[in-house]
Amino acid sequence: MGLGEVMNFPGMFGCMPDMLGKIEMALGKPIDGQEPGLMGKDLAAYITAGIRSDHECTNPEEAREKLRNGMAILIREGSMAKNLEDLLPLVTAGNARRCLFASADRHPDDWS
């Protein structure tokens, strides 16, 4: 159905056969990334490999660049990482279709 949490950025750029094979098998399907802080040329290469979303944005500058380059961002509010307050102001009528919410790594005791 797709490939989740592509986080082996060094493996992808090091052309590790197992990493490239996973991405190749998922081409044409949703591929979700997990690369906090990835920007610039590295981000462009990551997107070129087929990764279309990321749930690891931790600051507005990073999220803005990913949105500007066509990625979807999942704004995370979990038990450890809480990015909603910082990233919610980036959501506009023009990009709302590419902004989602995620509760990654949420501890069961936090549901209250």
PDB file of N, CA and C in Angstrom:
ATOM      1  N   MET A   1       0.812  -1.198   0.000  1.00  0.00           N
ATOM      2  CA  MET A   1       0.000   0.000   0.000  1.00  0.00           C
ATOM      3  C   MET A   1       0.855   1.262   0.000  1.00  0.00           C
ATOM      4  N   GLY A   2       2.085   1.174   0.460  1.00  0.00           N
ATOM      5  CA  GLY A   2       2.967   2.317   0.522  1.00  0.00           C
ATOM      6  C   GLY A   2       4.165   1.992   1.397  1.00  0.00           C
ATOM      7  N   LEU A   3       4.955   2.992   1.689  1.00  0.00           N
ATOM      8  CA  LEU A   3       6.150   2.815   2.509  1.00  0.00           C
ATOM      9  C   LEU A   3       6.159   3.913   3.555  1.00  0.00           C
ATOM     10  N   GLY A   4       6.260   3.521   4.806  1.00  0.00           N
ATOM     11  CA  GLY A   4       6.227   4.488   5.893  1.00  0.00           C
ATOM     12  C   GLY A   4       7.586   4.725   6.510  1.00  0.00           C
ATOM     13  N   GLU A   5       7.784   5.952   6.936  1.00  0.00           N
ATOM     14  CA  GLU A   5       8.924   6.362   7.724  1.00  0.00           C
ATOM     15  C   GLU A   5      10.284   6.040   7.105  1.00  0.00           C
ATOM     16  N   VAL A   6      10.523   6.554   5.918  1.00  0.00           N
ATOM     17  CA  VAL A   6      11.828   6.409   5.295  1.00  0.00           C
ATOM     18  C   VAL A   6      12.788   7.321   6.059  1.00  0.00           C
ATOM     19  N   MET A   7      13.580   6.709   6.932  1.00  0.00           N
ATOM     20  CA  MET A   7      14.462   7.497   7.784  1.00  0.00           C
ATOM     21  C   MET A   7      15.934   7.228   7.537  1.00  0.00           C
ATOM     22  N   ASN A   8      16.248   6.327   6.650  1.00  0.00           N
ATOM     23  CA  ASN A   8      17.640   6.009   6.381  1.00  0.00           C
ATOM     24  C   ASN A   8      18.161   6.884   5.247  1.00  0.00           C
ATOM     25  N   PHE A   9      18.234   8.174   5.536  1.00  0.00           N
ATOM     26  CA  PHE A   9      18.724   9.132   4.545  1.00  0.00           C
ATOM     27  C   PHE A   9      20.141   8.790   4.092  1.00  0.00           C
ATOM     28  N   PRO A  10      21.069   8.471   4.994  1.00  0.00           N
ATOM     29  CA  PRO A  10      22.415   8.099   4.534  1.00  0.00           C
ATOM     30  C   PRO A  10      22.413   6.871   3.628  1.00  0.00           C
ATOM     31  N   GLY A  11      21.557   5.913   3.926  1.00  0.00           N
ATOM     32  CA  GLY A  11      21.469   4.715   3.093  1.00  0.00           C
ATOM     33  C   GLY A  11      20.924   5.024   1.717  1.00  0.00           C
ATOM     34  N   MET A  12      19.981   5.936   1.662  1.00  0.00           N
ATOM     35  CA  MET A  12      19.408   6.314   0.381  1.00  0.00           C
ATOM     36  C   MET A  12      20.460   7.009  -0.486  1.00  0.00           C
ATOM     37  N   PHE A  13      21.184   7.953   0.112  1.00  0.00           N
ATOM     38  CA  PHE A  13      22.193   8.665  -0.663  1.00  0.00           C
ATOM     39  C   PHE A  13      23.469   7.873  -0.856  1.00  0.00           C
ATOM     40  N   GLY A  14      23.685   6.871  -0.030  1.00  0.00           N
ATOM     41  CA  GLY A  14      24.818   5.977  -0.218  1.00  0.00           C
ATOM     42  C   GLY A  14      24.495   4.853  -1.192  1.00  0.00           C
ATOM     43  N   CYS A  15      23.292   4.910  -1.767  1.00  0.00           N
ATOM     44  CA  CYS A  15      22.823   3.919  -2.758  1.00  0.00           C
ATOM     45  C   CYS A  15      22.867   2.502  -2.210  1.00  0.00           C
ATOM     46  N   MET A  16      22.519   2.330  -0.936  1.00  0.00           N
ATOM     47  CA  MET A  16      22.445   0.987  -0.355  1.00  0.00           C
ATOM     48  C   MET A  16      21.313   0.231  -1.046  1.00  0.00           C
ATOM     49  N   PRO A  17      21.626  -0.935  -1.626  1.00  0.00           N
ATOM     50  CA  PRO A  17      20.628  -1.665  -2.407  1.00  0.00           C
ATOM     51  C   PRO A  17      19.332  -1.947  -1.657  1.00  0.00           C
ATOM     52  N   ASP A  18      19.398  -2.295  -0.373  1.00  0.00           N
ATOM     53  CA  ASP A  18      18.161  -2.600   0.348  1.00  0.00           C
ATOM     54  C   ASP A  18      17.284  -1.357   0.502  1.00  0.00           C
ATOM     55  N   MET A  19      17.896  -0.217   0.751  1.00  0.00           N
ATOM     56  CA  MET A  19      17.125   1.021   0.910  1.00  0.00           C
ATOM     57  C   MET A  19      16.520   1.453  -0.416  1.00  0.00           C
ATOM     58  N   LEU A  20      17.318   1.441  -1.468  1.00  0.00           N
ATOM     59  CA  LEU A  20      16.804   1.824  -2.784  1.00  0.00           C
ATOM     60  C   LEU A  20      15.745   0.844  -3.269  1.00  0.00           C
ATOM     61  N   GLY A  21      15.900  -0.426  -2.932  1.00  0.00           N
ATOM     62  CA  GLY A  21      14.917  -1.437  -3.309  1.00  0.00           C
ATOM     63  C   GLY A  21      13.566  -1.193  -2.669  1.00  0.00           C
ATOM     64  N   LYS A  22      13.574  -0.802  -1.404  1.00  0.00           N
ATOM     65  CA  LYS A  22      12.312  -0.494  -0.714  1.00  0.00           C
ATOM     66  C   LYS A  22      11.609   0.679  -1.381  1.00  0.00           C
ATOM     67  N   ILE A  23      12.366   1.711  -1.684  1.00  0.00           N
ATOM     68  CA  ILE A  23      11.775   2.887  -2.315  1.00  0.00           C
ATOM     69  C   ILE A  23      11.264   2.535  -3.704  1.00  0.00           C
ATOM     70  N   GLU A  24      12.047   1.786  -4.455  1.00  0.00           N
ATOM     71  CA  GLU A  24      11.637   1.406  -5.813  1.00  0.00           C
ATOM     72  C   GLU A  24      10.347   0.589  -5.797  1.00  0.00           C
ATOM     73  N   MET A  25      10.227  -0.333  -4.844  1.00  0.00           N
ATOM     74  CA  MET A  25       9.007  -1.152  -4.753  1.00  0.00           C
ATOM     75  C   MET A  25       7.780  -0.303  -4.439  1.00  0.00           C
ATOM     76  N   ALA A  26       7.964   0.837  -3.780  1.00  0.00           N
ATOM     77  CA  ALA A  26       6.839   1.671  -3.371  1.00  0.00           C
ATOM     78  C   ALA A  26       6.540   2.810  -4.349  1.00  0.00           C
ATOM     79  N   LEU A  27       7.353   2.993  -5.377  1.00  0.00           N
ATOM     80  CA  LEU A  27       7.116   4.101  -6.309  1.00  0.00           C
ATOM     81  C   LEU A  27       5.701   4.030  -6.868  1.00  0.00           C
ATOM     82  N   GLY A  28       5.062   5.183  -6.917  1.00  0.00           N
ATOM     83  CA  GLY A  28       3.675   5.253  -7.374  1.00  0.00           C
ATOM     84  C   GLY A  28       2.682   5.095  -6.239  1.00  0.00           C
ATOM     85  N   LYS A  29       3.181   4.773  -5.058  1.00  0.00           N
ATOM     86  CA  LYS A  29       2.349   4.633  -3.866  1.00  0.00           C
ATOM     87  C   LYS A  29       2.818   5.689  -2.859  1.00  0.00           C
ATOM     88  N   PRO A  30       2.038   5.921  -1.823  1.00  0.00           N
ATOM     89  CA  PRO A  30       2.489   6.901  -0.829  1.00  0.00           C
ATOM     90  C   PRO A  30       3.788   6.466  -0.135  1.00  0.00           C
ATOM     91  N   ILE A  31       4.731   7.394  -0.058  1.00  0.00           N
ATOM     92  CA  ILE A  31       5.986   7.155   0.654  1.00  0.00           C
ATOM     93  C   ILE A  31       6.141   8.277   1.676  1.00  0.00           C
ATOM     94  N   ASP A  32       6.162   7.898   2.943  1.00  0.00           N
ATOM     95  CA  ASP A  32       6.244   8.861   4.041  1.00  0.00           C
ATOM     96  C   ASP A  32       7.666   8.944   4.546  1.00  0.00           C
ATOM     97  N   GLY A  33       8.148  10.156   4.734  1.00  0.00           N
ATOM     98  CA  GLY A  33       9.500  10.366   5.220  1.00  0.00           C
ATOM     99  C   GLY A  33       9.556  10.601   6.716  1.00  0.00           C
ATOM    100  N   GLN A  34      10.766  10.556   7.213  1.00  0.00           N
ATOM    101  CA  GLN A  34      11.025  10.840   8.623  1.00  0.00           C
ATOM    102  C   GLN A  34      12.442  11.399   8.719  1.00  0.00           C
ATOM    103  N   GLU A  35      12.603  12.651   8.348  1.00  0.00           N
ATOM    104  CA  GLU A  35      13.917  13.277   8.342  1.00  0.00           C
ATOM    105  C   GLU A  35      13.856  14.679   8.929  1.00  0.00           C
ATOM    106  N   PRO A  36      13.983  14.804  10.236  1.00  0.00           N
ATOM    107  CA  PRO A  36      13.970  16.143  10.831  1.00  0.00           C
ATOM    108  C   PRO A  36      15.184  16.950  10.395  1.00  0.00           C
ATOM    109  N   GLY A  37      14.938  18.208  10.092  1.00  0.00           N
ATOM    110  CA  GLY A  37      16.031  19.114   9.755  1.00  0.00           C
ATOM    111  C   GLY A  37      16.509  19.052   8.319  1.00  0.00           C
ATOM    112  N   LEU A  38      15.949  18.187   7.513  1.00  0.00           N
ATOM    113  CA  LEU A  38      16.406  18.051   6.130  1.00  0.00           C
ATOM    114  C   LEU A  38      15.930  19.241   5.303  1.00  0.00           C
ATOM    115  N   MET A  39      16.884  19.930   4.683  1.00  0.00           N
ATOM    116  CA  MET A  39      16.553  21.117   3.900  1.00  0.00           C
ATOM    117  C   MET A  39      17.522  21.237   2.720  1.00  0.00           C
ATOM    118  N   GLY A  40      17.281  22.220   1.871  1.00  0.00           N
ATOM    119  CA  GLY A  40      18.187  22.512   0.767  1.00  0.00           C
ATOM    120  C   GLY A  40      18.281  21.403  -0.265  1.00  0.00           C
ATOM    121  N   LYS A  41      19.498  21.195  -0.771  1.00  0.00           N
ATOM    122  CA  LYS A  41      19.724  20.193  -1.819  1.00  0.00           C
ATOM    123  C   LYS A  41      19.401  18.782  -1.339  1.00  0.00           C
ATOM    124  N   ASP A  42      19.671  18.495  -0.077  1.00  0.00           N
ATOM    125  CA  ASP A  42      19.353  17.166   0.449  1.00  0.00           C
ATOM    126  C   ASP A  42      17.845  16.925   0.429  1.00  0.00           C
ATOM    127  N   LEU A  43      17.072  17.930   0.782  1.00  0.00           N
ATOM    128  CA  LEU A  43      15.617  17.802   0.733  1.00  0.00           C
ATOM    129  C   LEU A  43      15.150  17.593  -0.699  1.00  0.00           C
ATOM    130  N   ALA A  44      15.714  18.332  -1.643  1.00  0.00           N
ATOM    131  CA  ALA A  44      15.332  18.182  -3.053  1.00  0.00           C
ATOM    132  C   ALA A  44      15.592  16.757  -3.528  1.00  0.00           C
ATOM    133  N   ALA A  45      16.725  16.190  -3.142  1.00  0.00           N
ATOM    134  CA  ALA A  45      17.037  14.817  -3.532  1.00  0.00           C
ATOM    135  C   ALA A  45      16.077  13.830  -2.877  1.00  0.00           C
ATOM    136  N   TYR A  46      15.739  14.069  -1.639  1.00  0.00           N
ATOM    137  CA  TYR A  46      14.796  13.218  -0.893  1.00  0.00           C
ATOM    138  C   TYR A  46      13.438  13.196  -1.593  1.00  0.00           C
ATOM    139  N   ILE A  47      12.967  14.367  -2.008  1.00  0.00           N
ATOM    140  CA  ILE A  47      11.694  14.464  -2.717  1.00  0.00           C
ATOM    141  C   ILE A  47      11.790  13.791  -4.078  1.00  0.00           C
ATOM    142  N   THR A  48      12.912  13.965  -4.766  1.00  0.00           N
ATOM    143  CA  THR A  48      13.110  13.336  -6.074  1.00  0.00           C
ATOM    144  C   THR A  48      13.052  11.819  -5.974  1.00  0.00           C
ATOM    145  N   ALA A  49      13.460  11.273  -4.836  1.00  0.00           N
ATOM    146  CA  ALA A  49      13.408   9.821  -4.636  1.00  0.00           C
ATOM    147  C   ALA A  49      11.986   9.315  -4.445  1.00  0.00           C
ATOM    148  N   GLY A  50      11.021  10.219  -4.279  1.00  0.00           N
ATOM    149  CA  GLY A  50       9.625   9.804  -4.180  1.00  0.00           C
ATOM    150  C   GLY A  50       8.973  10.031  -2.830  1.00  0.00           C
ATOM    151  N   ILE A  51       9.714  10.544  -1.870  1.00  0.00           N
ATOM    152  CA  ILE A  51       9.135  10.788  -0.556  1.00  0.00           C
ATOM    153  C   ILE A  51       8.269  12.042  -0.644  1.00  0.00           C
ATOM    154  N   ARG A  52       7.014  11.921  -0.219  1.00  0.00           N
ATOM    155  CA  ARG A  52       6.060  13.003  -0.418  1.00  0.00           C
ATOM    156  C   ARG A  52       5.516  13.619   0.866  1.00  0.00           C
ATOM    157  N   SER A  53       5.854  13.061   2.022  1.00  0.00           N
ATOM    158  CA  SER A  53       5.349  13.630   3.274  1.00  0.00           C
ATOM    159  C   SER A  53       6.370  13.410   4.386  1.00  0.00           C
ATOM    160  N   ASP A  54       6.197  14.158   5.470  1.00  0.00           N
ATOM    161  CA  ASP A  54       7.108  14.042   6.604  1.00  0.00           C
ATOM    162  C   ASP A  54       6.373  14.415   7.880  1.00  0.00           C
ATOM    163  N   HIS A  55       6.587  13.640   8.923  1.00  0.00           N
ATOM    164  CA  HIS A  55       5.956  13.954  10.216  1.00  0.00           C
ATOM    165  C   HIS A  55       6.992  14.365  11.266  1.00  0.00           C
ATOM    166  N   GLU A  56       8.152  14.786  10.821  1.00  0.00           N
ATOM    167  CA  GLU A  56       9.232  15.133  11.744  1.00  0.00           C
ATOM    168  C   GLU A  56       9.613  16.611  11.724  1.00  0.00           C
ATOM    169  N   CYS A  57       8.805  17.468  11.138  1.00  0.00           N
ATOM    170  CA  CYS A  57       9.132  18.893  11.133  1.00  0.00           C
ATOM    171  C   CYS A  57       9.090  19.422  12.568  1.00  0.00           C
ATOM    172  N   THR A  58      10.150  20.117  12.940  1.00  0.00           N
ATOM    173  CA  THR A  58      10.228  20.612  14.303  1.00  0.00           C
ATOM    174  C   THR A  58      10.226  22.128  14.397  1.00  0.00           C
ATOM    175  N   ASN A  59      10.361  22.807  13.258  1.00  0.00           N
ATOM    176  CA  ASN A  59      10.347  24.271  13.306  1.00  0.00           C
ATOM    177  C   ASN A  59       9.691  24.815  12.034  1.00  0.00           C
ATOM    178  N   PRO A  60       9.188  26.041  12.101  1.00  0.00           N
ATOM    179  CA  PRO A  60       8.468  26.608  10.962  1.00  0.00           C
ATOM    180  C   PRO A  60       9.297  26.719   9.685  1.00  0.00           C
ATOM    181  N   GLU A  61      10.578  27.054   9.796  1.00  0.00           N
ATOM    182  CA  GLU A  61      11.414  27.202   8.604  1.00  0.00           C
ATOM    183  C   GLU A  61      11.484  25.882   7.817  1.00  0.00           C
ATOM    184  N   GLU A  62      11.724  24.801   8.522  1.00  0.00           N
ATOM    185  CA  GLU A  62      11.798  23.487   7.880  1.00  0.00           C
ATOM    186  C   GLU A  62      10.455  23.106   7.260  1.00  0.00           C
ATOM    187  N   ALA A  63       9.382  23.265   8.003  1.00  0.00           N
ATOM    188  CA  ALA A  63       8.054  22.903   7.497  1.00  0.00           C
ATOM    189  C   ALA A  63       7.684  23.753   6.287  1.00  0.00           C
ATOM    190  N   ARG A  64       8.001  25.034   6.345  1.00  0.00           N
ATOM    191  CA  ARG A  64       7.709  25.945   5.231  1.00  0.00           C
ATOM    192  C   ARG A  64       8.436  25.504   3.963  1.00  0.00           C
ATOM    193  N   GLU A  65       9.696  25.124   4.090  1.00  0.00           N
ATOM    194  CA  GLU A  65      10.455  24.681   2.912  1.00  0.00           C
ATOM    195  C   GLU A  65       9.881  23.390   2.340  1.00  0.00           C
ATOM    196  N   LYS A  66       9.501  22.477   3.204  1.00  0.00           N
ATOM    197  CA  LYS A  66       8.916  21.218   2.725  1.00  0.00           C
ATOM    198  C   LYS A  66       7.586  21.472   2.018  1.00  0.00           C
ATOM    199  N   LEU A  67       6.752  22.331   2.580  1.00  0.00           N
ATOM    200  CA  LEU A  67       5.491  22.687   1.921  1.00  0.00           C
ATOM    201  C   LEU A  67       5.752  23.377   0.589  1.00  0.00           C
ATOM    202  N   ARG A  68       6.691  24.309   0.562  1.00  0.00           N
ATOM    203  CA  ARG A  68       7.025  25.050  -0.656  1.00  0.00           C
ATOM    204  C   ARG A  68       7.499  24.113  -1.767  1.00  0.00           C
ATOM    205  N   ASN A  69       8.106  23.001  -1.386  1.00  0.00           N
ATOM    206  CA  ASN A  69       8.604  22.033  -2.363  1.00  0.00           C
ATOM    207  C   ASN A  69       7.612  20.916  -2.649  1.00  0.00           C
ATOM    208  N   GLY A  70       6.367  21.083  -2.218  1.00  0.00           N
ATOM    209  CA  GLY A  70       5.306  20.160  -2.592  1.00  0.00           C
ATOM    210  C   GLY A  70       5.048  19.010  -1.637  1.00  0.00           C
ATOM    211  N   MET A  71       5.772  18.936  -0.548  1.00  0.00           N
ATOM    212  CA  MET A  71       5.538  17.846   0.404  1.00  0.00           C
ATOM    213  C   MET A  71       4.313  18.139   1.255  1.00  0.00           C
ATOM    214  N   ALA A  72       3.741  17.092   1.792  1.00  0.00           N
ATOM    215  CA  ALA A  72       2.726  17.213   2.830  1.00  0.00           C
ATOM    216  C   ALA A  72       3.456  17.114   4.164  1.00  0.00           C
ATOM    217  N   ILE A  73       3.008  17.871   5.130  1.00  0.00           N
ATOM    218  CA  ILE A  73       3.589  17.751   6.456  1.00  0.00           C
ATOM    219  C   ILE A  73       2.515  17.268   7.426  1.00  0.00           C
ATOM    220  N   LEU A  74       2.932  16.402   8.313  1.00  0.00           N
ATOM    221  CA  LEU A  74       2.058  15.929   9.372  1.00  0.00           C
ATOM    222  C   LEU A  74       2.509  16.637  10.638  1.00  0.00           C
ATOM    223  N   ILE A  75       1.656  17.477  11.147  1.00  0.00           N
ATOM    224  CA  ILE A  75       1.983  18.241  12.346  1.00  0.00           C
ATOM    225  C   ILE A  75       1.777  17.322  13.541  1.00  0.00           C
ATOM    226  N   ARG A  76       2.856  17.084  14.252  1.00  0.00           N
ATOM    227  CA  ARG A  76       2.879  16.055  15.288  1.00  0.00           C
ATOM    228  C   ARG A  76       2.646  16.654  16.676  1.00  0.00           C
ATOM    229  N   GLU A  77       1.788  15.975  17.407  1.00  0.00           N
ATOM    230  CA  GLU A  77       1.562  16.310  18.809  1.00  0.00           C
ATOM    231  C   GLU A  77       1.479  14.976  19.544  1.00  0.00           C
ATOM    232  N   GLY A  78       2.638  14.512  19.988  1.00  0.00           N
ATOM    233  CA  GLY A  78       2.718  13.230  20.677  1.00  0.00           C
ATOM    234  C   GLY A  78       3.053  13.436  22.139  1.00  0.00           C
ATOM    235  N   SER A  79       3.527  12.394  22.772  1.00  0.00           N
ATOM    236  CA  SER A  79       3.908  12.488  24.177  1.00  0.00           C
ATOM    237  C   SER A  79       5.256  13.175  24.331  1.00  0.00           C
ATOM    238  N   MET A  80       6.160  12.915  23.422  1.00  0.00           N
ATOM    239  CA  MET A  80       7.504  13.498  23.506  1.00  0.00           C
ATOM    240  C   MET A  80       7.616  14.759  22.647  1.00  0.00           C
ATOM    241  N   ALA A  81       7.335  14.640  21.370  1.00  0.00           N
ATOM    242  CA  ALA A  81       7.455  15.773  20.453  1.00  0.00           C
ATOM    243  C   ALA A  81       6.114  16.482  20.343  1.00  0.00           C
ATOM    244  N   LYS A  82       6.126  17.755  20.597  1.00  0.00           N
ATOM    245  CA  LYS A  82       4.908  18.563  20.533  1.00  0.00           C
ATOM    246  C   LYS A  82       5.192  19.751  19.613  1.00  0.00           C
ATOM    247  N   ASN A  83       4.721  19.629  18.364  1.00  0.00           N
ATOM    248  CA  ASN A  83       5.030  20.637  17.354  1.00  0.00           C
ATOM    249  C   ASN A  83       3.813  21.441  16.906  1.00  0.00           C
ATOM    250  N   LEU A  84       2.645  21.145  17.434  1.00  0.00           N
ATOM    251  CA  LEU A  84       1.415  21.812  16.995  1.00  0.00           C
ATOM    252  C   LEU A  84       1.486  23.323  17.162  1.00  0.00           C
ATOM    253  N   GLU A  85       1.867  23.792  18.316  1.00  0.00           N
ATOM    254  CA  GLU A  85       1.884  25.226  18.584  1.00  0.00           C
ATOM    255  C   GLU A  85       2.829  25.972  17.636  1.00  0.00           C
ATOM    256  N   ASP A  86       3.983  25.375  17.342  1.00  0.00           N
ATOM    257  CA  ASP A  86       4.957  26.028  16.464  1.00  0.00           C
ATOM    258  C   ASP A  86       4.557  25.997  14.996  1.00  0.00           C
ATOM    259  N   LEU A  87       3.901  24.915  14.560  1.00  0.00           N
ATOM    260  CA  LEU A  87       3.653  24.732  13.128  1.00  0.00           C
ATOM    261  C   LEU A  87       2.257  25.122  12.669  1.00  0.00           C
ATOM    262  N   LEU A  88       1.292  25.147  13.563  1.00  0.00           N
ATOM    263  CA  LEU A  88      -0.080  25.465  13.162  1.00  0.00           C
ATOM    264  C   LEU A  88      -0.204  26.819  12.451  1.00  0.00           C
ATOM    265  N   PRO A  89       0.536  27.847  12.836  1.00  0.00           N
ATOM    266  CA  PRO A  89       0.422  29.131  12.115  1.00  0.00           C
ATOM    267  C   PRO A  89       0.801  29.049  10.629  1.00  0.00           C
ATOM    268  N   LEU A  90       1.486  27.997  10.210  1.00  0.00           N
ATOM    269  CA  LEU A  90       1.852  27.849   8.792  1.00  0.00           C
ATOM    270  C   LEU A  90       0.677  27.406   7.923  1.00  0.00           C
ATOM    271  N   VAL A  91      -0.345  26.840   8.540  1.00  0.00           N
ATOM    272  CA  VAL A  91      -1.478  26.313   7.780  1.00  0.00           C
ATOM    273  C   VAL A  91      -2.315  27.475   7.256  1.00  0.00           C
ATOM    274  N   THR A  92      -2.498  27.478   5.929  1.00  0.00           N
ATOM    275  CA  THR A  92      -3.286  28.517   5.266  1.00  0.00           C
ATOM    276  C   THR A  92      -4.319  27.849   4.365  1.00  0.00           C
ATOM    277  N   ALA A  93      -5.212  28.640   3.832  1.00  0.00           N
ATOM    278  CA  ALA A  93      -6.188  28.103   2.882  1.00  0.00           C
ATOM    279  C   ALA A  93      -5.490  27.521   1.655  1.00  0.00           C
ATOM    280  N   GLY A  94      -4.342  28.092   1.303  1.00  0.00           N
ATOM    281  CA  GLY A  94      -3.616  27.620   0.118  1.00  0.00           C
ATOM    282  C   GLY A  94      -2.864  26.319   0.300  1.00  0.00           C
ATOM    283  N   ASN A  95      -2.504  25.962   1.545  1.00  0.00           N
ATOM    284  CA  ASN A  95      -1.731  24.728   1.740  1.00  0.00           C
ATOM    285  C   ASN A  95      -2.415  23.724   2.662  1.00  0.00           C
ATOM    286  N   ALA A  96      -3.606  24.017   3.112  1.00  0.00           N
ATOM    287  CA  ALA A  96      -4.286  23.153   4.092  1.00  0.00           C
ATOM    288  C   ALA A  96      -4.454  21.709   3.615  1.00  0.00           C
ATOM    289  N   ARG A  97      -4.551  21.503   2.311  1.00  0.00           N
ATOM    290  CA  ARG A  97      -4.714  20.128   1.802  1.00  0.00           C
ATOM    291  C   ARG A  97      -3.449  19.300   1.972  1.00  0.00           C
ATOM    292  N   ARG A  98      -2.326  19.955   2.263  1.00  0.00           N
ATOM    293  CA  ARG A  98      -1.056  19.246   2.462  1.00  0.00           C
ATOM    294  C   ARG A  98      -0.586  19.318   3.917  1.00  0.00           C
ATOM    295  N   CYS A  99      -1.479  19.699   4.815  1.00  0.00           N
ATOM    296  CA  CYS A  99      -1.159  19.748   6.244  1.00  0.00           C
ATOM    297  C   CYS A  99      -2.085  18.787   6.974  1.00  0.00           C
ATOM    298  N   LEU A 100      -1.493  17.846   7.656  1.00  0.00           N
ATOM    299  CA  LEU A 100      -2.257  16.833   8.368  1.00  0.00           C
ATOM    300  C   LEU A 100      -1.815  16.844   9.829  1.00  0.00           C
ATOM    301  N   PHE A 101      -2.497  16.089  10.644  1.00  0.00           N
ATOM    302  CA  PHE A 101      -2.144  15.994  12.052  1.00  0.00           C
ATOM    303  C   PHE A 101      -1.779  14.562  12.391  1.00  0.00           C
ATOM    304  N   ALA A 102      -0.795  14.393  13.264  1.00  0.00           N
ATOM    305  CA  ALA A 102      -0.348  13.059  13.675  1.00  0.00           C
ATOM    306  C   ALA A 102      -0.098  13.054  15.172  1.00  0.00           C
ATOM    307  N   SER A 103      -0.288  11.899  15.762  1.00  0.00           N
ATOM    308  CA  SER A 103      -0.018  11.749  17.201  1.00  0.00           C
ATOM    309  C   SER A 103       1.066  10.697  17.401  1.00  0.00           C
ATOM    310  N   ALA A 104       2.140  10.826  16.653  1.00  0.00           N
ATOM    311  CA  ALA A 104       3.232   9.837  16.696  1.00  0.00           C
ATOM    312  C   ALA A 104       3.792   9.703  18.102  1.00  0.00           C
ATOM    313  N   ASP A 105       4.066   8.480  18.486  1.00  0.00           N
ATOM    314  CA  ASP A 105       4.681   8.168  19.781  1.00  0.00           C
ATOM    315  C   ASP A 105       3.884   8.733  20.941  1.00  0.00           C
ATOM    316  N   ARG A 106       2.611   8.447  20.958  1.00  0.00           N
ATOM    317  CA  ARG A 106       1.750   8.916  22.046  1.00  0.00           C
ATOM    318  C   ARG A 106       1.590   7.808  23.071  1.00  0.00           C
ATOM    319  N   HIS A 107       1.887   8.106  24.310  1.00  0.00           N
ATOM    320  CA  HIS A 107       1.773   7.144  25.392  1.00  0.00           C
ATOM    321  C   HIS A 107       0.305   6.994  25.791  1.00  0.00           C
ATOM    322  N   PRO A 108      -0.168   5.765  26.025  1.00  0.00           N
ATOM    323  CA  PRO A 108      -1.589   5.559  26.362  1.00  0.00           C
ATOM    324  C   PRO A 108      -2.062   6.370  27.574  1.00  0.00           C
ATOM    325  N   ASP A 109      -1.179   6.605  28.541  1.00  0.00           N
ATOM    326  CA  ASP A 109      -1.580   7.365  29.726  1.00  0.00           C
ATOM    327  C   ASP A 109      -1.818   8.843  29.441  1.00  0.00           C
ATOM    328  N   ASP A 110      -1.413   9.311  28.265  1.00  0.00           N
ATOM    329  CA  ASP A 110      -1.581  10.721  27.927  1.00  0.00           C
ATOM    330  C   ASP A 110      -2.980  11.026  27.368  1.00  0.00           C
ATOM    331  N   TRP A 111      -3.788  10.020  27.136  1.00  0.00           N
ATOM    332  CA  TRP A 111      -5.138  10.249  26.606  1.00  0.00           C
ATOM    333  C   TRP A 111      -6.053  10.604  27.766  1.00  0.00           C
ATOM    334  N   SER A 112      -6.218  11.858  27.998  1.00  0.00           N
ATOM    335  CA  SER A 112      -7.133  12.267  29.092  1.00  0.00           C
ATOM    336  C   SER A 112      -7.956  13.456  28.679  1.00  0.00           C
TER     337      SER A 112
END
